[in-house]
PDB file of all heavy atoms in Angstrom:
ATOM      1  N   LYS A   1    -128.619  -7.500 123.667  1.00  0.00           N
ATOM      2  CA  LYS A   1    -127.273  -7.646 124.217  1.00  0.00           C
ATOM      3  C   LYS A   1    -126.456  -6.368 123.889  1.00  0.00           C
ATOM      4  O   LYS A   1    -125.687  -5.863 124.749  1.00  0.00           O
ATOM      5  CB  LYS A   1    -126.550  -8.838 123.638  1.00  0.00           C
ATOM      6  CG  LYS A   1    -127.256 -10.159 123.919  1.00  0.00           C
ATOM      7  CD  LYS A   1    -126.944 -10.628 125.352  1.00  0.00           C
ATOM      8  CE  LYS A   1    -127.461 -12.052 125.549  1.00  0.00           C
ATOM      9  NZ  LYS A   1    -127.274 -12.483 126.999  1.00  0.00           N
ATOM     10  N   LEU A   2    -126.575  -5.846 122.711  1.00  0.00           N
ATOM     11  CA  LEU A   2    -125.791  -4.668 122.275  1.00  0.00           C
ATOM     12  C   LEU A   2    -126.275  -3.447 123.093  1.00  0.00           C
ATOM     13  O   LEU A   2    -125.410  -2.653 123.466  1.00  0.00           O
ATOM     14  CB  LEU A   2    -125.994  -4.434 120.823  1.00  0.00           C
ATOM     15  CG  LEU A   2    -125.491  -5.495 119.885  1.00  0.00           C
ATOM     16  CD1 LEU A   2    -125.819  -5.183 118.430  1.00  0.00           C
ATOM     17  CD2 LEU A   2    -123.990  -5.639 120.015  1.00  0.00           C
ATOM     18  N   THR A   3    -127.562  -3.284 123.313  1.00  0.00           N
ATOM     19  CA  THR A   3    -128.042  -2.128 124.080  1.00  0.00           C
ATOM     20  C   THR A   3    -127.549  -2.138 125.507  1.00  0.00           C
ATOM     21  O   THR A   3    -127.347  -1.142 126.171  1.00  0.00           O
ATOM     22  CB  THR A   3    -129.541  -2.057 124.105  1.00  0.00           C
ATOM     23  OG1 THR A   3    -130.156  -3.175 124.822  1.00  0.00           O
ATOM     24  CG2 THR A   3    -130.146  -1.960 122.689  1.00  0.00           C
ATOM     25  N   GLN A   4    -127.337  -3.381 125.982  1.00  0.00           N
ATOM     26  CA  GLN A   4    -126.871  -3.519 127.438  1.00  0.00           C
ATOM     27  C   GLN A   4    -125.429  -3.078 127.659  1.00  0.00           C
ATOM     28  O   GLN A   4    -125.045  -2.546 128.689  1.00  0.00           O
ATOM     29  CB  GLN A   4    -127.022  -4.959 127.891  1.00  0.00           C
ATOM     30  CG  GLN A   4    -128.488  -5.382 128.061  1.00  0.00           C
ATOM     31  CD  GLN A   4    -128.661  -6.882 128.398  1.00  0.00           C
ATOM     32  OE1 GLN A   4    -127.686  -7.667 128.098  1.00  0.00           O
ATOM     33  NE2 GLN A   4    -129.807  -7.241 128.934  1.00  0.00           N
ATOM     34  N   ILE A   5    -124.584  -3.316 126.661  1.00  0.00           N
ATOM     35  CA  ILE A   5    -123.140  -3.020 126.841  1.00  0.00           C
ATOM     36  C   ILE A   5    -122.753  -1.602 126.458  1.00  0.00           C
ATOM     37  O   ILE A   5    -121.612  -1.203 126.694  1.00  0.00           O
ATOM     38  CB  ILE A   5    -122.240  -4.083 126.160  1.00  0.00           C
ATOM     39  CG1 ILE A   5    -122.472  -4.107 124.649  1.00  0.00           C
ATOM     40  CG2 ILE A   5    -122.462  -5.444 126.772  1.00  0.00           C
ATOM     41  CD1 ILE A   5    -121.463  -4.933 123.907  1.00  0.00           C
ATOM     42  N   THR A   6    -123.662  -0.840 125.783  1.00  0.00           N
ATOM     43  CA  THR A   6    -123.300   0.517 125.486  1.00  0.00           C
ATOM     44  C   THR A   6    -123.748   1.478 126.588  1.00  0.00           C
ATOM     45  O   THR A   6    -124.736   1.282 127.208  1.00  0.00           O
ATOM     46  CB  THR A   6    -123.930   0.918 124.137  1.00  0.00           C
ATOM     47  OG1 THR A   6    -123.431   2.215 123.754  1.00  0.00           O
ATOM     48  CG2 THR A   6    -125.434   1.034 124.174  1.00  0.00           C
ATOM     49  N   LYS A   7    -122.891   2.477 126.721  1.00  0.00           N
ATOM     50  CA  LYS A   7    -123.193   3.492 127.756  1.00  0.00           C
ATOM     51  C   LYS A   7    -123.880   4.695 127.093  1.00  0.00           C
ATOM     52  O   LYS A   7    -124.723   5.340 127.723  1.00  0.00           O
ATOM     53  CB  LYS A   7    -121.877   3.922 128.355  1.00  0.00           C
ATOM     54  CG  LYS A   7    -122.010   4.860 129.580  1.00  0.00           C
ATOM     55  CD  LYS A   7    -120.687   5.288 130.123  1.00  0.00           C
ATOM     56  CE  LYS A   7    -119.938   4.104 130.704  1.00  0.00           C
ATOM     57  NZ  LYS A   7    -118.664   4.491 131.381  1.00  0.00           N
ATOM     58  N   ILE A   8    -123.535   4.996 125.812  1.00  0.00           N
ATOM     59  CA  ILE A   8    -124.043   6.199 125.190  1.00  0.00           C
ATOM     60  C   ILE A   8    -124.701   5.886 123.847  1.00  0.00           C
ATOM     61  O   ILE A   8    -125.903   6.036 123.609  1.00  0.00           O
ATOM     62  CB  ILE A   8    -122.940   7.277 125.047  1.00  0.00           C
ATOM     63  CG1 ILE A   8    -122.360   7.635 126.445  1.00  0.00           C
ATOM     64  CG2 ILE A   8    -123.517   8.540 124.424  1.00  0.00           C
ATOM     65  CD1 ILE A   8    -121.186   8.591 126.365  1.00  0.00           C
ATOM     66  N   PHE A   9    -123.877   5.455 122.840  1.00  0.00           N
ATOM     67  CA  PHE A   9    -124.358   5.310 121.505  1.00  0.00           C
ATOM     68  C   PHE A   9    -124.299   3.811 121.070  1.00  0.00           C
ATOM     69  O   PHE A   9    -123.474   3.052 121.416  1.00  0.00           O
ATOM     70  CB  PHE A   9    -123.443   6.050 120.491  1.00  0.00           C
ATOM     71  CG  PHE A   9    -123.637   7.561 120.584  1.00  0.00           C
ATOM     72  CD1 PHE A   9    -122.687   8.465 121.103  1.00  0.00           C
ATOM     73  CD2 PHE A   9    -124.822   8.167 120.072  1.00  0.00           C
ATOM     74  CE1 PHE A   9    -122.862   9.832 121.113  1.00  0.00           C
ATOM     75  CE2 PHE A   9    -125.007   9.568 120.070  1.00  0.00           C
ATOM     76  CZ  PHE A   9    -124.033  10.377 120.619  1.00  0.00           C
ATOM     77  N   LEU A  10    -125.252   3.534 120.104  1.00  0.00           N
ATOM     78  CA  LEU A  10    -125.268   2.244 119.412  1.00  0.00           C
ATOM     79  C   LEU A  10    -125.512   2.547 117.966  1.00  0.00           C
ATOM     80  O   LEU A  10    -126.446   3.317 117.592  1.00  0.00           O
ATOM     81  CB  LEU A  10    -126.409   1.322 119.980  1.00  0.00           C
ATOM     82  CG  LEU A  10    -126.730   0.089 119.172  1.00  0.00           C
ATOM     83  CD1 LEU A  10    -125.539  -0.884 119.182  1.00  0.00           C
ATOM     84  CD2 LEU A  10    -127.926  -0.609 119.693  1.00  0.00           C
ATOM     85  N   TYR A  11    -124.696   1.985 117.077  1.00  0.00           N
ATOM     86  CA  TYR A  11    -124.854   2.151 115.655  1.00  0.00           C
ATOM     87  C   TYR A  11    -125.073   0.773 115.077  1.00  0.00           C
ATOM     88  O   TYR A  11    -124.306  -0.145 115.218  1.00  0.00           O
ATOM     89  CB  TYR A  11    -123.618   2.816 114.970  1.00  0.00           C
ATOM     90  CG  TYR A  11    -123.782   2.776 113.446  1.00  0.00           C
ATOM     91  CD1 TYR A  11    -124.741   3.671 112.889  1.00  0.00           C
ATOM     92  CD2 TYR A  11    -123.062   1.983 112.680  1.00  0.00           C
ATOM     93  CE1 TYR A  11    -124.930   3.637 111.468  1.00  0.00           C
ATOM     94  CE2 TYR A  11    -123.217   1.975 111.298  1.00  0.00           C
ATOM     95  CZ  TYR A  11    -124.175   2.817 110.712  1.00  0.00           C
ATOM     96  OH  TYR A  11    -124.350   2.815 109.329  1.00  0.00           O
ATOM     97  N   LEU A  12    -126.225   0.624 114.399  1.00  0.00           N
ATOM     98  CA  LEU A  12    -126.594  -0.588 113.743  1.00  0.00           C
ATOM     99  C   LEU A  12    -126.741  -0.444 112.240  1.00  0.00           C
ATOM    100  O   LEU A  12    -127.421   0.506 111.793  1.00  0.00           O
ATOM    101  CB  LEU A  12    -127.949  -1.181 114.335  1.00  0.00           C
ATOM    102  CG  LEU A  12    -128.030  -1.610 115.761  1.00  0.00           C
ATOM    103  CD1 LEU A  12    -129.433  -2.006 116.148  1.00  0.00           C
ATOM    104  CD2 LEU A  12    -127.000  -2.727 116.053  1.00  0.00           C
ATOM    105  N   GLU A  13    -126.188  -1.425 111.522  1.00  0.00           N
ATOM    106  CA  GLU A  13    -126.342  -1.402 110.067  1.00  0.00           C
ATOM    107  C   GLU A  13    -126.552  -2.859 109.701  1.00  0.00           C
ATOM    108  O   GLU A  13    -125.792  -3.744 110.104  1.00  0.00           O
ATOM    109  CB  GLU A  13    -125.161  -0.800 109.361  1.00  0.00           C
ATOM    110  CG  GLU A  13    -125.291  -0.765 107.862  1.00  0.00           C
ATOM    111  CD  GLU A  13    -124.150  -0.035 107.161  1.00  0.00           C
ATOM    112  OE1 GLU A  13    -123.671   0.974 107.677  1.00  0.00           O
ATOM    113  OE2 GLU A  13    -123.684  -0.583 106.144  1.00  0.00           O
ATOM    114  N   THR A  14    -127.567  -3.096 108.844  1.00  0.00           N
ATOM    115  CA  THR A  14    -127.832  -4.461 108.452  1.00  0.00           C
ATOM    116  C   THR A  14    -128.775  -4.472 107.198  1.00  0.00           C
ATOM    117  O   THR A  14    -129.432  -3.509 106.880  1.00  0.00           O
ATOM    118  CB  THR A  14    -128.524  -5.284 109.584  1.00  0.00           C
ATOM    119  OG1 THR A  14    -128.650  -6.627 109.263  1.00  0.00           O
ATOM    120  CG2 THR A  14    -129.925  -4.721 109.895  1.00  0.00           C
ATOM    121  N   ILE A  15    -128.752  -5.604 106.519  1.00  0.00           N
ATOM    122  CA  ILE A  15    -129.751  -5.842 105.454  1.00  0.00           C
ATOM    123  C   ILE A  15    -131.067  -6.210 106.124  1.00  0.00           C
ATOM    124  O   ILE A  15    -131.085  -7.184 106.887  1.00  0.00           O
ATOM    125  CB  ILE A  15    -129.270  -6.936 104.510  1.00  0.00           C
ATOM    126  CG1 ILE A  15    -127.999  -6.536 103.797  1.00  0.00           C
ATOM    127  CG2 ILE A  15    -130.393  -7.272 103.495  1.00  0.00           C
ATOM    128  CD1 ILE A  15    -127.413  -7.642 102.895  1.00  0.00           C
ATOM    129  N   ALA A  16    -132.107  -5.407 105.938  1.00  0.00           N
ATOM    130  CA  ALA A  16    -133.362  -5.656 106.561  1.00  0.00           C
ATOM    131  C   ALA A  16    -134.379  -6.128 105.567  1.00  0.00           C
ATOM    132  O   ALA A  16    -134.163  -6.153 104.333  1.00  0.00           O
ATOM    133  CB  ALA A  16    -133.879  -4.328 107.191  1.00  0.00           C
ATOM    134  N   LYS A  17    -135.492  -6.630 106.078  1.00  0.00           N
ATOM    135  CA  LYS A  17    -136.611  -7.034 105.210  1.00  0.00           C
ATOM    136  C   LYS A  17    -136.973  -5.908 104.253  1.00  0.00           C
ATOM    137  O   LYS A  17    -136.942  -4.776 104.639  1.00  0.00           O
ATOM    138  CB  LYS A  17    -137.775  -7.431 106.096  1.00  0.00           C
ATOM    139  CG  LYS A  17    -138.959  -8.055 105.382  1.00  0.00           C
ATOM    140  CD  LYS A  17    -140.065  -8.375 106.379  1.00  0.00           C
ATOM    141  CE  LYS A  17    -141.270  -9.016 105.688  1.00  0.00           C
ATOM    142  NZ  LYS A  17    -142.300  -9.372 106.688  1.00  0.00           N
ATOM    143  N   PHE A  18    -137.344  -6.252 103.053  1.00  0.00           N
ATOM    144  CA  PHE A  18    -137.721  -5.349 101.968  1.00  0.00           C
ATOM    145  C   PHE A  18    -136.526  -4.636 101.284  1.00  0.00           C
ATOM    146  O   PHE A  18    -136.718  -3.962 100.279  1.00  0.00           O
ATOM    147  CB  PHE A  18    -138.731  -4.265 102.484  1.00  0.00           C
ATOM    148  CG  PHE A  18    -139.897  -4.826 103.154  1.00  0.00           C
ATOM    149  CD1 PHE A  18    -140.229  -4.478 104.420  1.00  0.00           C
ATOM    150  CD2 PHE A  18    -140.710  -5.751 102.478  1.00  0.00           C
ATOM    151  CE1 PHE A  18    -141.392  -5.019 105.035  1.00  0.00           C
ATOM    152  CE2 PHE A  18    -141.888  -6.280 103.101  1.00  0.00           C
ATOM    153  CZ  PHE A  18    -142.192  -5.916 104.367  1.00  0.00           C
ATOM    154  N   SER A  19    -135.337  -4.830 101.730  1.00  0.00           N
ATOM    155  CA  SER A  19    -134.157  -4.251 101.065  1.00  0.00           C
ATOM    156  C   SER A  19    -133.934  -5.037  99.778  1.00  0.00           C
ATOM    157  O   SER A  19    -134.027  -6.284  99.784  1.00  0.00           O
ATOM    158  CB  SER A  19    -132.941  -4.288 101.938  1.00  0.00           C
ATOM    159  OG  SER A  19    -131.749  -4.078 101.137  1.00  0.00           O
ATOM    160  N   PRO A  20    -133.525  -4.358  98.725  1.00  0.00           N
ATOM    161  CA  PRO A  20    -133.168  -5.164  97.473  1.00  0.00           C
ATOM    162  C   PRO A  20    -132.012  -6.031  97.764  1.00  0.00           C
ATOM    163  O   PRO A  20    -131.927  -7.114  97.076  1.00  0.00           O
ATOM    164  CB  PRO A  20    -132.843  -4.009  96.479  1.00  0.00           C
ATOM    165  CG  PRO A  20    -132.553  -2.809  97.261  1.00  0.00           C
ATOM    166  CD  PRO A  20    -133.413  -2.895  98.506  1.00  0.00           C
ATOM    167  N   ASN A  21    -131.213  -5.753  98.704  1.00  0.00           N
ATOM    168  CA  ASN A  21    -130.027  -6.602  99.015  1.00  0.00           C
ATOM    169  C   ASN A  21    -130.419  -7.854  99.745  1.00  0.00           C
ATOM    170  O   ASN A  21    -129.589  -8.731  99.952  1.00  0.00           O
ATOM    171  CB  ASN A  21    -128.984  -5.842  99.825  1.00  0.00           C
ATOM    172  CG  ASN A  21    -128.228  -4.833  98.944  1.00  0.00           C
ATOM    173  OD1 ASN A  21    -127.970  -5.117  97.776  1.00  0.00           O
ATOM    174  ND2 ASN A  21    -127.819  -3.717  99.515  1.00  0.00           N
ATOM    175  N   ALA A  22    -131.709  -7.964 100.178  1.00  0.00           N
ATOM    176  CA  ALA A  22    -132.185  -9.154 100.886  1.00  0.00           C
ATOM    177  C   ALA A  22    -132.544 -10.237  99.794  1.00  0.00           C
ATOM    178  O   ALA A  22    -132.706 -11.401 100.191  1.00  0.00           O
ATOM    179  CB  ALA A  22    -133.419  -8.827 101.689  1.00  0.00           C
ATOM    180  N   SER A  23    -132.577  -9.878  98.541  1.00  0.00           N
ATOM    181  CA  SER A  23    -132.897 -10.805  97.517  1.00  0.00           C
ATOM    182  C   SER A  23    -131.682 -11.684  97.167  1.00  0.00           C
ATOM    183  O   SER A  23    -130.612 -11.237  96.857  1.00  0.00           O
ATOM    184  CB  SER A  23    -133.323 -10.013  96.233  1.00  0.00           C
ATOM    185  OG  SER A  23    -133.356 -10.893  95.098  1.00  0.00           O
ATOM    186  N   GLN A  24    -131.877 -12.984  97.206  1.00  0.00           N
ATOM    187  CA  GLN A  24    -130.847 -13.889  96.855  1.00  0.00           C
ATOM    188  C   GLN A  24    -130.524 -13.851  95.343  1.00  0.00           C
ATOM    189  O   GLN A  24    -129.394 -14.141  94.918  1.00  0.00           O
ATOM    190  CB  GLN A  24    -131.217 -15.340  97.195  1.00  0.00           C
ATOM    191  CG  GLN A  24    -131.189 -15.618  98.675  1.00  0.00           C
ATOM    192  CD  GLN A  24    -129.815 -15.630  99.293  1.00  0.00           C
ATOM    193  OE1 GLN A  24    -128.818 -15.708  98.584  1.00  0.00           O
ATOM    194  NE2 GLN A  24    -129.710 -15.496 100.591  1.00  0.00           N
ATOM    195  N   LYS A  25    -131.537 -13.427  94.570  1.00  0.00           N
ATOM    196  CA  LYS A  25    -131.286 -13.279  93.128  1.00  0.00           C
ATOM    197  C   LYS A  25    -130.348 -12.090  92.829  1.00  0.00           C
ATOM    198  O   LYS A  25    -129.459 -12.181  92.060  1.00  0.00           O
ATOM    199  CB  LYS A  25    -132.580 -13.120  92.384  1.00  0.00           C
ATOM    200  CG  LYS A  25    -132.455 -12.981  90.880  1.00  0.00           C
ATOM    201  CD  LYS A  25    -133.850 -12.872  90.233  1.00  0.00           C
ATOM    202  CE  LYS A  25    -133.662 -12.761  88.689  1.00  0.00           C
ATOM    203  NZ  LYS A  25    -135.024 -12.731  88.004  1.00  0.00           N
ATOM    204  N   LEU A  26    -130.593 -10.956  93.507  1.00  0.00           N
ATOM    205  CA  LEU A  26    -129.789  -9.736  93.301  1.00  0.00           C
ATOM    206  C   LEU A  26    -128.509  -9.761  94.080  1.00  0.00           C
ATOM    207  O   LEU A  26    -127.488  -9.219  93.646  1.00  0.00           O
ATOM    208  CB  LEU A  26    -130.616  -8.511  93.693  1.00  0.00           C
ATOM    209  CG  LEU A  26    -131.894  -8.236  92.885  1.00  0.00           C
ATOM    210  CD1 LEU A  26    -132.629  -7.061  93.413  1.00  0.00           C
ATOM    211  CD2 LEU A  26    -131.541  -7.922  91.356  1.00  0.00           C
ATOM    212  N   ASN A  27    -128.540 -10.404  95.288  1.00  0.00           N
ATOM    213  CA  ASN A  27    -127.406 -10.370  96.188  1.00  0.00           C
ATOM    214  C   ASN A  27    -127.244 -11.753  96.820  1.00  0.00           C
ATOM    215  O   ASN A  27    -127.599 -11.914  98.038  1.00  0.00           O
ATOM    216  CB  ASN A  27    -127.576  -9.262  97.259  1.00  0.00           C
ATOM    217  CG  ASN A  27    -126.434  -9.221  98.259  1.00  0.00           C
ATOM    218  OD1 ASN A  27    -125.327  -9.609  97.979  1.00  0.00           O
ATOM    219  ND2 ASN A  27    -126.732  -8.758  99.457  1.00  0.00           N
ATOM    220  N   PRO A  28    -126.782 -12.782  96.088  1.00  0.00           N
ATOM    221  CA  PRO A  28    -126.699 -14.137  96.640  1.00  0.00           C
ATOM    222  C   PRO A  28    -125.745 -14.252  97.815  1.00  0.00           C
ATOM    223  O   PRO A  28    -124.627 -13.777  97.834  1.00  0.00           O
ATOM    224  CB  PRO A  28    -126.218 -14.954  95.475  1.00  0.00           C
ATOM    225  CG  PRO A  28    -125.565 -13.968  94.542  1.00  0.00           C
ATOM    226  CD  PRO A  28    -126.278 -12.691  94.701  1.00  0.00           C
ATOM    227  N   ASP A  29    -126.264 -14.905  98.899  1.00  0.00           N
ATOM    228  CA  ASP A  29    -125.440 -15.121 100.100  1.00  0.00           C
ATOM    229  C   ASP A  29    -126.138 -16.260 100.811  1.00  0.00           C
ATOM    230  O   ASP A  29    -127.132 -16.098 101.507  1.00  0.00           O
ATOM    231  CB  ASP A  29    -125.373 -13.877 100.968  1.00  0.00           C
ATOM    232  CG  ASP A  29    -124.420 -14.062 102.141  1.00  0.00           C
ATOM    233  OD1 ASP A  29    -124.160 -15.230 102.568  1.00  0.00           O
ATOM    234  OD2 ASP A  29    -123.978 -13.033 102.723  1.00  0.00           O
ATOM    235  N   SER A  30    -125.550 -17.446 100.719  1.00  0.00           N
ATOM    236  CA  SER A  30    -126.209 -18.602 101.291  1.00  0.00           C
ATOM    237  C   SER A  30    -126.257 -18.640 102.833  1.00  0.00           C
ATOM    238  O   SER A  30    -127.061 -19.391 103.431  1.00  0.00           O
ATOM    239  CB  SER A  30    -125.425 -19.888 100.873  1.00  0.00           C
ATOM    240  OG  SER A  30    -124.088 -19.891 101.254  1.00  0.00           O
ATOM    241  N   LYS A  31    -125.484 -17.750 103.439  1.00  0.00           N
ATOM    242  CA  LYS A  31    -125.365 -17.707 104.887  1.00  0.00           C
ATOM    243  C   LYS A  31    -126.445 -16.737 105.489  1.00  0.00           C
ATOM    244  O   LYS A  31    -126.724 -16.748 106.678  1.00  0.00           O
ATOM    245  CB  LYS A  31    -124.027 -17.359 105.388  1.00  0.00           C
ATOM    246  CG  LYS A  31    -123.003 -18.482 105.031  1.00  0.00           C
ATOM    247  CD  LYS A  31    -121.591 -18.077 105.427  1.00  0.00           C
ATOM    248  CE  LYS A  31    -120.599 -19.243 105.303  1.00  0.00           C
ATOM    249  NZ  LYS A  31    -120.670 -19.891 103.997  1.00  0.00           N
ATOM    250  N   ARG A  32    -126.950 -15.832 104.649  1.00  0.00           N
ATOM    251  CA  ARG A  32    -127.932 -14.848 105.116  1.00  0.00           C
ATOM    252  C   ARG A  32    -129.292 -15.515 105.347  1.00  0.00           C
ATOM    253  O   ARG A  32    -129.691 -16.359 104.519  1.00  0.00           O
ATOM    254  CB  ARG A  32    -128.038 -13.731 104.076  1.00  0.00           C
ATOM    255  CG  ARG A  32    -128.883 -12.567 104.601  1.00  0.00           C
ATOM    256  CD  ARG A  32    -128.868 -11.419 103.574  1.00  0.00           C
ATOM    257  NE  ARG A  32    -129.477 -11.755 102.320  1.00  0.00           N
ATOM    258  CZ  ARG A  32    -128.825 -11.793 101.154  1.00  0.00           C
ATOM    259  NH1 ARG A  32    -127.534 -11.496 101.097  1.00  0.00           N
ATOM    260  NH2 ARG A  32    -129.422 -12.150 100.046  1.00  0.00           N
ATOM    261  N   GLU A  33    -129.950 -15.132 106.449  1.00  0.00           N
ATOM    262  CA  GLU A  33    -131.247 -15.680 106.753  1.00  0.00           C
ATOM    263  C   GLU A  33    -132.283 -15.147 105.709  1.00  0.00           C
ATOM    264  O   GLU A  33    -132.166 -14.043 105.242  1.00  0.00           O
ATOM    265  CB  GLU A  33    -131.661 -15.293 108.174  1.00  0.00           C
ATOM    266  CG  GLU A  33    -130.893 -16.006 109.234  1.00  0.00           C
ATOM    267  CD  GLU A  33    -131.104 -17.486 109.319  1.00  0.00           C
ATOM    268  OE1 GLU A  33    -132.210 -17.934 108.985  1.00  0.00           O
ATOM    269  OE2 GLU A  33    -130.167 -18.193 109.658  1.00  0.00           O
ATOM    270  N   LYS A  34    -133.277 -15.944 105.445  1.00  0.00           N
ATOM    271  CA  LYS A  34    -134.392 -15.561 104.592  1.00  0.00           C
ATOM    272  C   LYS A  34    -135.389 -14.584 105.223  1.00  0.00           C
ATOM    273  O   LYS A  34    -135.878 -13.654 104.693  1.00  0.00           O
ATOM    274  CB  LYS A  34    -135.117 -16.778 103.996  1.00  0.00           C
ATOM    275  CG  LYS A  34    -134.260 -17.695 103.145  1.00  0.00           C
ATOM    276  CD  LYS A  34    -135.013 -18.877 102.614  1.00  0.00           C
ATOM    277  CE  LYS A  34    -134.137 -19.717 101.748  1.00  0.00           C
ATOM    278  NZ  LYS A  34    -134.918 -20.945 101.260  1.00  0.00           N
ATOM    279  N   ASN A  35    -135.695 -14.926 106.500  1.00  0.00           N
ATOM    280  CA  ASN A  35    -136.690 -14.134 107.229  1.00  0.00           C
ATOM    281  C   ASN A  35    -136.020 -13.111 108.122  1.00  0.00           C
ATOM    282  O   ASN A  35    -135.526 -13.449 109.183  1.00  0.00           O
ATOM    283  CB  ASN A  35    -137.570 -15.122 108.077  1.00  0.00           C
ATOM    284  CG  ASN A  35    -138.778 -14.448 108.702  1.00  0.00           C
ATOM    285  OD1 ASN A  35    -139.186 -13.354 108.247  1.00  0.00           O
ATOM    286  ND2 ASN A  35    -139.343 -15.095 109.680  1.00  0.00           N
ATOM    287  N   LEU A  36    -135.892 -11.918 107.575  1.00  0.00           N
ATOM    288  CA  LEU A  36    -135.143 -10.852 108.236  1.00  0.00           C
ATOM    289  C   LEU A  36    -136.023  -9.867 109.005  1.00  0.00           C
ATOM    290  O   LEU A  36    -137.215  -9.725 108.765  1.00  0.00           O
ATOM    291  CB  LEU A  36    -134.351 -10.050 107.197  1.00  0.00           C
ATOM    292  CG  LEU A  36    -133.339 -10.854 106.310  1.00  0.00           C
ATOM    293  CD1 LEU A  36    -132.802  -9.952 105.242  1.00  0.00           C
ATOM    294  CD2 LEU A  36    -132.209 -11.406 107.202  1.00  0.00           C
ATOM    295  N   LEU A  37    -135.442  -9.247 109.987  1.00  0.00           N
ATOM    296  CA  LEU A  37    -136.135  -8.176 110.708  1.00  0.00           C
ATOM    297  C   LEU A  37    -136.361  -7.023 109.753  1.00  0.00           C
ATOM    298  O   LEU A  37    -135.534  -6.728 108.927  1.00  0.00           O
ATOM    299  CB  LEU A  37    -135.320  -7.682 111.912  1.00  0.00           C
ATOM    300  CG  LEU A  37    -135.169  -8.669 113.088  1.00  0.00           C
ATOM    301  CD1 LEU A  37    -134.219  -7.990 114.108  1.00  0.00           C
ATOM    302  CD2 LEU A  37    -136.479  -8.965 113.711  1.00  0.00           C
ATOM    303  N   SER A  38    -137.526  -6.312 109.902  1.00  0.00           N
ATOM    304  CA  SER A  38    -137.743  -5.079 109.128  1.00  0.00           C
ATOM    305  C   SER A  38    -137.069  -3.948 109.828  1.00  0.00           C
ATOM    306  O   SER A  38    -136.682  -4.052 111.064  1.00  0.00           O
ATOM    307  CB  SER A  38    -139.211  -4.833 109.009  1.00  0.00           C
ATOM    308  OG  SER A  38    -139.760  -4.504 110.306  1.00  0.00           O
TER     309      SER A  38
END
């Protein structure tokens, strides 16, 4: 959806699989999904 509405640039930033911030122990967030895109 994001690629469709941009004409030139797209900037994406997210917690991805294997990031230390994906750990609920190190970075607890009950709303974040467990199975993330890499």
